[in-house]
Each structure stands twice: as C-alpha cells, then as structure tokens.
C-alpha cells in the first residue's frame, strides 16, 4: 500500500555541501518510496525531476535525459502524490505564490510536497554540470552554472517546502525543479511567472531520512557546520 504521508529522502544537502557527490542509492530503490520528487544524479550530474513515476535529468548542457532504475543518486527526495490542497492561479510570480501558500496553508513548520501544472509566461532555470574527482565542494561546483530561459512554456514544477529548522538536512524553505511538457527543457528553478496553472500541495506528516551508511567517504567526512548555512544559500539561490 502506498504511504502518502511520508517524505522519503536519501542523503542530506550537507553531504553535497561537503563534496560528497558519489551516487549511493539506485533510482529504482528510491522510487519504491515515491512517484514524485527531485534530486541530482551521480557526480552531481544535473537536476533530477520525477513526475508521474518517471525520472528525468536536466544536464548542464540543457539536454533532458530519461533515467534508468540503475542510475545512482547522492541526494534525492520523493513522495507519493496525493495532494489535499488545490488552487488555480493566474498571472503570478514565484515570490507571490510563495507568500500566498505560506499565508493560506500555514506551512512554516511542516513539510509540503508541491506540484504546479500549467503554462508559464517566463521560466528561468539552471543546471549544474557533472563533476569529476577530486570533487570540489558544492559552492565551487555551482558558482559557474549554465542558466536557461523560456517564455510561454508549459510543464510541471515539482518540489518541496521544508521548515527552516531542517536546513542542512535539506533546503530550508522552497526548493523546486521544472520539466517542460515536451521533456526538452527544465532544471533547478531560479524564478518564474505563471500564465495560468493548477497548484497542488500535500502536507507530509513524516520524514524518513535514509543515509548511505555503507559508503566510506560518508562515514569519514568531517563537515564544517559553521559555514554550512551560507554555503547552502549561495548554492541554492
């Protein structure tokens, strides 16, 4: 039976901040826990979007590649979509939508799975390039990232809101990716303007945090917690 109350996350954002980019969980195993989600692939290779049980990777080149169950991921989050809240929105920026959702749904202290289907007047994304060993840290890897923009593009936004208390385990606040209907454009969202769209929100009661305990690098890594918050904000915004 599908558990629609749980956010399942493999790895932590703090691991990526420290340069732990090696894939440690096959995508097929990850998707036993959800049909919707976001993340990245082995070696920090692009921006992953999972929609309707299908996984895609937006590469630094801008190309969109379907992923196989054997693809390994270092960091990803999934849930089974069963949204309780739905609303139609017209002519709204991402910042306006964030403020509306926070105010109306009282989201500050809960995890929320988000999906937006519609047409966007403007969509601005980026995608990190695949990294090679020896891996840099996350901020170094993301300081030079290809950015992409399209106008009047239809597609799906997938992502999460997480309480800021959990910054480090994940991204505190909103974190969402985009995939076009044609499966030829997407990435980590920098900003957007909605033409018209349907917004679905799903409050998730539980967080299951799965760690790569058999990975030697993970077990031995010493993280600099004092600078982690600034590093996350630089890499994700």
C-alpha atoms as a PDB file:
ATOM      1  CA  UNK A   1       0.000   0.000   0.000  1.00  0.00           C
ATOM      2  CA  UNK A   2       1.325   3.448  -0.901  1.00  0.00           C
ATOM      3  CA  UNK A   3       2.238   5.691   2.022  1.00  0.00           C
ATOM      4  CA  UNK A   4       1.077   9.174   1.036  1.00  0.00           C
ATOM      5  CA  UNK A   5       2.014  10.785   4.359  1.00  0.00           C
ATOM      6  CA  UNK A   6       5.798  10.450   4.142  1.00  0.00           C
ATOM      7  CA  UNK A   7       8.647  12.336   2.528  1.00  0.00           C
ATOM      8  CA  UNK A   8      11.494   9.906   1.856  1.00  0.00           C
ATOM      9  CA  UNK A   9      14.918  11.458   1.446  1.00  0.00           C
ATOM     10  CA  UNK A  10      18.201   9.792   0.594  1.00  0.00           C
ATOM     11  CA  UNK A  11      21.323  11.641   1.657  1.00  0.00           C
ATOM     12  CA  UNK A  12      21.480  15.167   3.023  1.00  0.00           C
ATOM     13  CA  UNK A  13      22.194  18.530   1.478  1.00  0.00           C
ATOM     14  CA  UNK A  14      25.044  18.919   3.965  1.00  0.00           C
ATOM     15  CA  UNK A  15      26.723  15.951   2.259  1.00  0.00           C
ATOM     16  CA  UNK A  16      26.619  17.787  -1.063  1.00  0.00           C
ATOM     17  CA  UNK A  17      27.958  20.962   0.562  1.00  0.00           C
ATOM     18  CA  UNK A  18      30.953  18.919   1.660  1.00  0.00           C
ATOM     19  CA  UNK A  19      31.523  17.498  -1.826  1.00  0.00           C
ATOM     20  CA  UNK A  20      30.057  14.013  -1.351  1.00  0.00           C
ATOM     21  CA  UNK A  21      28.721  13.697  -4.893  1.00  0.00           C
ATOM     22  CA  UNK A  22      29.029   9.938  -5.435  1.00  0.00           C
ATOM     23  CA  UNK A  23      25.726   8.192  -6.131  1.00  0.00           C
ATOM     24  CA  UNK A  24      24.914   5.841  -3.251  1.00  0.00           C
ATOM     25  CA  UNK A  25      21.363   4.626  -3.939  1.00  0.00           C
ATOM     26  CA  UNK A  26      19.904   3.215  -7.171  1.00  0.00           C
ATOM     27  CA  UNK A  27      16.993   5.225  -8.507  1.00  0.00           C
ATOM     28  CA  UNK A  28      14.853   2.087  -8.635  1.00  0.00           C
ATOM     29  CA  UNK A  29      15.165   1.669  -4.870  1.00  0.00           C
ATOM     30  CA  UNK A  30      14.462   5.348  -4.259  1.00  0.00           C
ATOM     31  CA  UNK A  31      11.257   5.193  -6.288  1.00  0.00           C
ATOM     32  CA  UNK A  32       9.888   2.359  -4.194  1.00  0.00           C
ATOM     33  CA  UNK A  33       9.083   5.238  -1.824  1.00  0.00           C
ATOM     34  CA  UNK A  34       7.531   7.750  -4.210  1.00  0.00           C
ATOM     35  CA  UNK A  35       6.420   8.685  -7.713  1.00  0.00           C
ATOM     36  CA  UNK A  36       7.186  12.399  -7.445  1.00  0.00           C
ATOM     37  CA  UNK A  37      10.347  14.206  -6.403  1.00  0.00           C
ATOM     38  CA  UNK A  38      13.622  15.990  -7.078  1.00  0.00           C
ATOM     39  CA  UNK A  39      17.345  15.455  -6.596  1.00  0.00           C
ATOM     40  CA  UNK A  40      20.582  15.046  -8.505  1.00  0.00           C
ATOM     41  CA  UNK A  41      22.446  12.157 -10.116  1.00  0.00           C
ATOM     42  CA  UNK A  42      25.851  10.550  -9.547  1.00  0.00           C
ATOM     43  CA  UNK A  43      28.723  13.069  -9.592  1.00  0.00           C
ATOM     44  CA  UNK A  44      26.239  15.955  -9.137  1.00  0.00           C
ATOM     45  CA  UNK A  45      25.227  15.386 -12.741  1.00  0.00           C
ATOM     46  CA  UNK A  46      22.332  17.742 -13.399  1.00  0.00           C
ATOM     47  CA  UNK A  47      18.918  18.408 -11.874  1.00  0.00           C
ATOM     48  CA  UNK A  48      16.602  15.432 -11.419  1.00  0.00           C
ATOM     49  CA  UNK A  49      12.819  15.682 -11.741  1.00  0.00           C
ATOM     50  CA  UNK A  50      10.449  12.785 -11.036  1.00  0.00           C
ATOM     51  CA  UNK A  51       6.921  13.241 -12.388  1.00  0.00           C
ATOM     52  CA  UNK A  52       4.179  10.582 -12.545  1.00  0.00           C
ATOM     53  CA  UNK A  53       6.654   7.833 -11.753  1.00  0.00           C
ATOM     54  CA  UNK A  54       9.140   8.808 -14.485  1.00  0.00           C
ATOM     55  CA  UNK A  55      12.562  10.273 -13.735  1.00  0.00           C
ATOM     56  CA  UNK A  56      14.461  12.743 -15.909  1.00  0.00           C
ATOM     57  CA  UNK A  57      17.772  14.567 -15.591  1.00  0.00           C
ATOM     58  CA  UNK A  58      18.359  18.078 -16.911  1.00  0.00           C
ATOM     59  CA  UNK A  59      22.057  18.245 -17.749  1.00  0.00           C
ATOM     60  CA  UNK A  60      24.358  21.239 -17.691  1.00  0.00           C
ATOM     61  CA  UNK A  61      24.113  21.230 -21.482  1.00  0.00           C
ATOM     62  CA  UNK A  62      20.367  21.797 -21.162  1.00  0.00           C
ATOM     63  CA  UNK A  63      19.551  18.362 -22.568  1.00  0.00           C
ATOM     64  CA  UNK A  64      16.850  16.350 -20.799  1.00  0.00           C
ATOM     65  CA  UNK A  65      17.665  12.661 -20.354  1.00  0.00           C
ATOM     66  CA  UNK A  66      15.342   9.868 -19.109  1.00  0.00           C
ATOM     67  CA  UNK A  67      16.911   7.968 -16.225  1.00  0.00           C
ATOM     68  CA  UNK A  68      17.016   4.218 -15.693  1.00  0.00           C
ATOM     69  CA  UNK A  69      16.409   2.408 -12.388  1.00  0.00           C
ATOM     70  CA  UNK A  70      20.155   1.662 -12.228  1.00  0.00           C
ATOM     71  CA  UNK A  71      21.088   5.363 -12.063  1.00  0.00           C
ATOM     72  CA  UNK A  72      22.565   6.133  -8.650  1.00  0.00           C
ATOM     73  CA  UNK A  73      21.782   9.273  -6.703  1.00  0.00           C
ATOM     74  CA  UNK A  74      23.668  11.010  -3.856  1.00  0.00           C
ATOM     75  CA  UNK A  75      20.737  13.189  -2.793  1.00  0.00           C
ATOM     76  CA  UNK A  76      17.048  12.998  -3.643  1.00  0.00           C
ATOM     77  CA  UNK A  77      13.599  13.279  -2.089  1.00  0.00           C
ATOM     78  CA  UNK A  78      10.366  11.573  -3.164  1.00  0.00           C
ATOM     79  CA  UNK A  79       6.780  11.082  -2.048  1.00  0.00           C
ATOM     80  CA  UNK A  80       3.616   9.510  -3.434  1.00  0.00           C
ATOM     81  CA  UNK A  81       1.480  12.323  -4.808  1.00  0.00           C
ATOM     82  CA  UNK A  82      -1.946  12.635  -3.185  1.00  0.00           C
ATOM     83  CA  UNK A  83      -2.481  16.352  -2.748  1.00  0.00           C
ATOM     84  CA  UNK A  84      -5.144  17.667  -0.381  1.00  0.00           C
ATOM     85  CA  UNK A  85      -4.995  21.314  -1.470  1.00  0.00           C
ATOM     86  CA  UNK A  86      -5.652  22.585  -4.992  1.00  0.00           C
ATOM     87  CA  UNK A  87      -5.954  26.065  -6.404  1.00  0.00           C
ATOM     88  CA  UNK A  88      -5.949  27.773  -9.794  1.00  0.00           C
ATOM     89  CA  UNK A  89      -3.601  30.745 -10.215  1.00  0.00           C
ATOM     90  CA  UNK A  90      -3.244  33.313 -12.997  1.00  0.00           C
ATOM     91  CA  UNK A  91      -0.539  35.908 -13.661  1.00  0.00           C
ATOM     92  CA  UNK A  92       1.560  35.282 -10.557  1.00  0.00           C
ATOM     93  CA  UNK A  93       5.305  35.309  -9.902  1.00  0.00           C
ATOM     94  CA  UNK A  94       7.045  32.630  -7.886  1.00  0.00           C
ATOM     95  CA  UNK A  95       7.538  35.035  -4.970  1.00  0.00           C
ATOM     96  CA  UNK A  96       3.858  35.968  -4.950  1.00  0.00           C
ATOM     97  CA  UNK A  97       2.895  32.291  -4.996  1.00  0.00           C
ATOM     98  CA  UNK A  98       5.269  31.500  -2.120  1.00  0.00           C
ATOM     99  CA  UNK A  99       3.738  34.202   0.048  1.00  0.00           C
ATOM    100  CA  UNK A 100       0.212  33.074  -0.814  1.00  0.00           C
ATOM    101  CA  UNK A 101       0.927  29.446   0.045  1.00  0.00           C
ATOM    102  CA  UNK A 102       2.712  30.293   3.285  1.00  0.00           C
ATOM    103  CA  UNK A 103      -0.136  32.529   4.388  1.00  0.00           C
ATOM    104  CA  UNK A 104      -3.067  30.372   3.386  1.00  0.00           C
ATOM    105  CA  UNK A 105      -1.727  26.916   4.217  1.00  0.00           C
ATOM    106  CA  UNK A 106       0.241  27.769   7.387  1.00  0.00           C
ATOM    107  CA  UNK A 107       3.239  25.855   6.025  1.00  0.00           C
ATOM    108  CA  UNK A 108       6.101  27.259   8.106  1.00  0.00           C
ATOM    109  CA  UNK A 109       6.518  24.232  10.375  1.00  0.00           C
ATOM    110  CA  UNK A 110       5.582  21.345   8.076  1.00  0.00           C
ATOM    111  CA  UNK A 111       6.936  19.551   5.031  1.00  0.00           C
ATOM    112  CA  UNK A 112       4.840  20.121   1.924  1.00  0.00           C
ATOM    113  CA  UNK A 113       5.061  18.383  -1.449  1.00  0.00           C
ATOM    114  CA  UNK A 114       4.284  20.793  -4.280  1.00  0.00           C
ATOM    115  CA  UNK A 115       3.298  20.348  -7.903  1.00  0.00           C
ATOM    116  CA  UNK A 116       2.327  23.054 -10.385  1.00  0.00           C
ATOM    117  CA  UNK A 117       0.956  22.154 -13.818  1.00  0.00           C
ATOM    118  CA  UNK A 118       0.356  24.860 -16.367  1.00  0.00           C
ATOM    119  CA  UNK A 119       1.738  27.485 -18.701  1.00  0.00           C
ATOM    120  CA  UNK A 120       4.436  29.893 -17.635  1.00  0.00           C
ATOM    121  CA  UNK A 121       4.924  33.324 -19.145  1.00  0.00           C
ATOM    122  CA  UNK A 122       8.583  33.014 -18.182  1.00  0.00           C
ATOM    123  CA  UNK A 123      10.670  30.198 -16.703  1.00  0.00           C
ATOM    124  CA  UNK A 124      14.280  30.712 -15.592  1.00  0.00           C
ATOM    125  CA  UNK A 125      16.318  27.654 -14.573  1.00  0.00           C
ATOM    126  CA  UNK A 126      19.841  26.422 -14.137  1.00  0.00           C
ATOM    127  CA  UNK A 127      21.536  23.008 -14.152  1.00  0.00           C
ATOM    128  CA  UNK A 128      24.818  22.040 -12.566  1.00  0.00           C
ATOM    129  CA  UNK A 129      27.467  20.335 -14.673  1.00  0.00           C
ATOM    130  CA  UNK A 130      28.713  16.846 -13.884  1.00  0.00           C
ATOM    131  CA  UNK A 131      31.714  16.944 -11.559  1.00  0.00           C
ATOM    132  CA  UNK A 132      34.897  14.902 -11.695  1.00  0.00           C
ATOM    133  CA  UNK A 133      37.095  13.605  -8.918  1.00  0.00           C
ATOM    134  CA  UNK A 134      38.612  15.040  -6.843  1.00  0.00           C
ATOM    135  CA  UNK A 135      35.227  16.624  -6.182  1.00  0.00           C
ATOM    136  CA  UNK A 136      35.028  20.297  -5.173  1.00  0.00           C
ATOM    137  CA  UNK A 137      32.569  21.457  -2.544  1.00  0.00           C
ATOM    138  CA  UNK A 138      29.048  22.422  -3.570  1.00  0.00           C
ATOM    139  CA  UNK A 139      29.593  26.177  -3.711  1.00  0.00           C
ATOM    140  CA  UNK A 140      32.599  25.792  -6.011  1.00  0.00           C
ATOM    141  CA  UNK A 141      30.658  23.394  -8.235  1.00  0.00           C
ATOM    142  CA  UNK A 142      27.675  25.726  -8.538  1.00  0.00           C
ATOM    143  CA  UNK A 143      29.354  29.113  -8.905  1.00  0.00           C
ATOM    144  CA  UNK A 144      29.502  28.647 -12.657  1.00  0.00           C
ATOM    145  CA  UNK A 145      26.256  27.099 -13.824  1.00  0.00           C
ATOM    146  CA  UNK A 146      24.541  27.233 -17.194  1.00  0.00           C
ATOM    147  CA  UNK A 147      21.238  29.120 -16.996  1.00  0.00           C
ATOM    148  CA  UNK A 148      18.252  28.658 -19.291  1.00  0.00           C
ATOM    149  CA  UNK A 149      15.156  30.737 -20.018  1.00  0.00           C
ATOM    150  CA  UNK A 150      11.961  30.133 -21.964  1.00  0.00           C
ATOM    151  CA  UNK A 151       8.798  32.152 -22.469  1.00  0.00           C
ATOM    152  CA  UNK A 152       5.280  30.720 -22.846  1.00  0.00           C
ATOM    153  CA  UNK A 153       6.385  27.233 -21.860  1.00  0.00           C
ATOM    154  CA  UNK A 154       4.053  24.582 -20.483  1.00  0.00           C
ATOM    155  CA  UNK A 155       5.160  21.982 -17.994  1.00  0.00           C
ATOM    156  CA  UNK A 156       5.345  20.871 -14.380  1.00  0.00           C
ATOM    157  CA  UNK A 157       7.044  22.252 -11.299  1.00  0.00           C
ATOM    158  CA  UNK A 158       7.878  19.667  -8.638  1.00  0.00           C
ATOM    159  CA  UNK A 159       9.385  20.433  -5.272  1.00  0.00           C
ATOM    160  CA  UNK A 160       9.104  20.847  -1.534  1.00  0.00           C
ATOM    161  CA  UNK A 161       8.756  23.306   1.246  1.00  0.00           C
ATOM    162  CA  UNK A 162      10.763  22.328   4.337  1.00  0.00           C
ATOM    163  CA  UNK A 163      10.826  24.052   7.734  1.00  0.00           C
ATOM    164  CA  UNK A 164      13.961  26.167   8.137  1.00  0.00           C
ATOM    165  CA  UNK A 165      14.736  24.073  11.192  1.00  0.00           C
ATOM    166  CA  UNK A 166      15.811  21.334   8.759  1.00  0.00           C
ATOM    167  CA  UNK A 167      18.291  23.471   6.789  1.00  0.00           C
ATOM    168  CA  UNK A 168      21.294  21.237   6.233  1.00  0.00           C
ATOM    169  CA  UNK A 169      19.357  18.012   6.133  1.00  0.00           C
ATOM    170  CA  UNK A 170      17.634  19.599   3.141  1.00  0.00           C
ATOM    171  CA  UNK A 171      16.931  23.090   1.793  1.00  0.00           C
ATOM    172  CA  UNK A 172      15.018  25.149   4.339  1.00  0.00           C
ATOM    173  CA  UNK A 173      12.128  26.868   2.544  1.00  0.00           C
ATOM    174  CA  UNK A 174      11.103  26.252  -1.068  1.00  0.00           C
ATOM    175  CA  UNK A 175      13.154  24.017  -3.395  1.00  0.00           C
ATOM    176  CA  UNK A 176      11.670  23.139  -6.767  1.00  0.00           C
ATOM    177  CA  UNK A 177      12.607  21.916 -10.244  1.00  0.00           C
ATOM    178  CA  UNK A 178      10.874  22.251 -13.623  1.00  0.00           C
ATOM    179  CA  UNK A 179      10.243  19.898 -16.537  1.00  0.00           C
ATOM    180  CA  UNK A 180       8.554  21.061 -19.728  1.00  0.00           C
ATOM    181  CA  UNK A 181       5.647  19.142 -21.245  1.00  0.00           C
ATOM    182  CA  UNK A 182       7.848  18.364 -24.245  1.00  0.00           C
ATOM    183  CA  UNK A 183      10.568  16.947 -21.955  1.00  0.00           C
ATOM    184  CA  UNK A 184      13.138  19.192 -23.626  1.00  0.00           C
ATOM    185  CA  UNK A 185      13.673  21.975 -21.058  1.00  0.00           C
ATOM    186  CA  UNK A 186      13.916  22.271 -17.287  1.00  0.00           C
ATOM    187  CA  UNK A 187      16.199  22.451 -14.300  1.00  0.00           C
ATOM    188  CA  UNK A 188      16.513  23.955 -10.838  1.00  0.00           C
ATOM    189  CA  UNK A 189      14.179  26.946 -10.739  1.00  0.00           C
ATOM    190  CA  UNK A 190      15.594  30.425 -10.248  1.00  0.00           C
ATOM    191  CA  UNK A 191      12.347  32.287 -10.908  1.00  0.00           C
ATOM    192  CA  UNK A 192       9.132  32.061 -12.917  1.00  0.00           C
ATOM    193  CA  UNK A 193       5.929  33.848 -13.801  1.00  0.00           C
ATOM    194  CA  UNK A 194       2.743  31.825 -14.136  1.00  0.00           C
ATOM    195  CA  UNK A 195       0.381  32.472 -17.028  1.00  0.00           C
ATOM    196  CA  UNK A 196      -2.208  30.032 -15.729  1.00  0.00           C
ATOM    197  CA  UNK A 197      -1.677  26.904 -13.670  1.00  0.00           C
ATOM    198  CA  UNK A 198      -3.074  24.424 -11.154  1.00  0.00           C
ATOM    199  CA  UNK A 199      -1.188  24.268  -7.870  1.00  0.00           C
ATOM    200  CA  UNK A 200      -1.341  21.113  -5.739  1.00  0.00           C
ATOM    201  CA  UNK A 201       0.002  20.981  -2.188  1.00  0.00           C
ATOM    202  CA  UNK A 202       0.379  17.931   0.028  1.00  0.00           C
ATOM    203  CA  UNK A 203       1.266  18.207   3.713  1.00  0.00           C
ATOM    204  CA  UNK A 204       3.577  15.342   4.676  1.00  0.00           C
ATOM    205  CA  UNK A 205       3.442  14.142   8.271  1.00  0.00           C
ATOM    206  CA  UNK A 206       6.642  12.110   8.297  1.00  0.00           C
ATOM    207  CA  UNK A 207      10.237  12.493   7.164  1.00  0.00           C
ATOM    208  CA  UNK A 208      12.211   9.312   6.550  1.00  0.00           C
ATOM    209  CA  UNK A 209      15.911  10.196   6.338  1.00  0.00           C
ATOM    210  CA  UNK A 210      17.937   7.472   4.639  1.00  0.00           C
ATOM    211  CA  UNK A 211      21.716   7.665   4.949  1.00  0.00           C
ATOM    212  CA  UNK A 212      24.443   5.900   2.888  1.00  0.00           C
ATOM    213  CA  UNK A 213      25.940   4.175   5.909  1.00  0.00           C
ATOM    214  CA  UNK A 214      27.936   1.705   3.804  1.00  0.00           C
ATOM    215  CA  UNK A 215      29.789   4.488   1.965  1.00  0.00           C
ATOM    216  CA  UNK A 216      33.266   5.005   3.398  1.00  0.00           C
ATOM    217  CA  UNK A 217      33.568   8.647   2.325  1.00  0.00           C
ATOM    218  CA  UNK A 218      30.307   9.484   4.064  1.00  0.00           C
ATOM    219  CA  UNK A 219      31.363   7.753   7.277  1.00  0.00           C
ATOM    220  CA  UNK A 220      34.716   9.560   7.370  1.00  0.00           C
ATOM    221  CA  UNK A 221      33.677  13.050   6.210  1.00  0.00           C
ATOM    222  CA  UNK A 222      34.008  15.929   8.687  1.00  0.00           C
ATOM    223  CA  UNK A 223      31.516  18.698   7.846  1.00  0.00           C
ATOM    224  CA  UNK A 224      32.061  22.389   8.586  1.00  0.00           C
ATOM    225  CA  UNK A 225      28.742  23.203  10.212  1.00  0.00           C
ATOM    226  CA  UNK A 226      29.667  26.835  10.909  1.00  0.00           C
ATOM    227  CA  UNK A 227      29.741  27.767   7.223  1.00  0.00           C
ATOM    228  CA  UNK A 228      27.122  25.276   6.004  1.00  0.00           C
ATOM    229  CA  UNK A 229      24.136  27.635   6.054  1.00  0.00           C
ATOM    230  CA  UNK A 230      25.903  30.303   3.975  1.00  0.00           C
ATOM    231  CA  UNK A 231      27.145  27.654   1.550  1.00  0.00           C
ATOM    232  CA  UNK A 232      23.627  26.266   1.049  1.00  0.00           C
ATOM    233  CA  UNK A 233      22.154  29.707   0.445  1.00  0.00           C
ATOM    234  CA  UNK A 234      24.831  30.517  -2.126  1.00  0.00           C
ATOM    235  CA  UNK A 235      24.448  27.208  -3.962  1.00  0.00           C
ATOM    236  CA  UNK A 236      20.647  27.015  -3.985  1.00  0.00           C
ATOM    237  CA  UNK A 237      19.587  30.626  -4.617  1.00  0.00           C
END
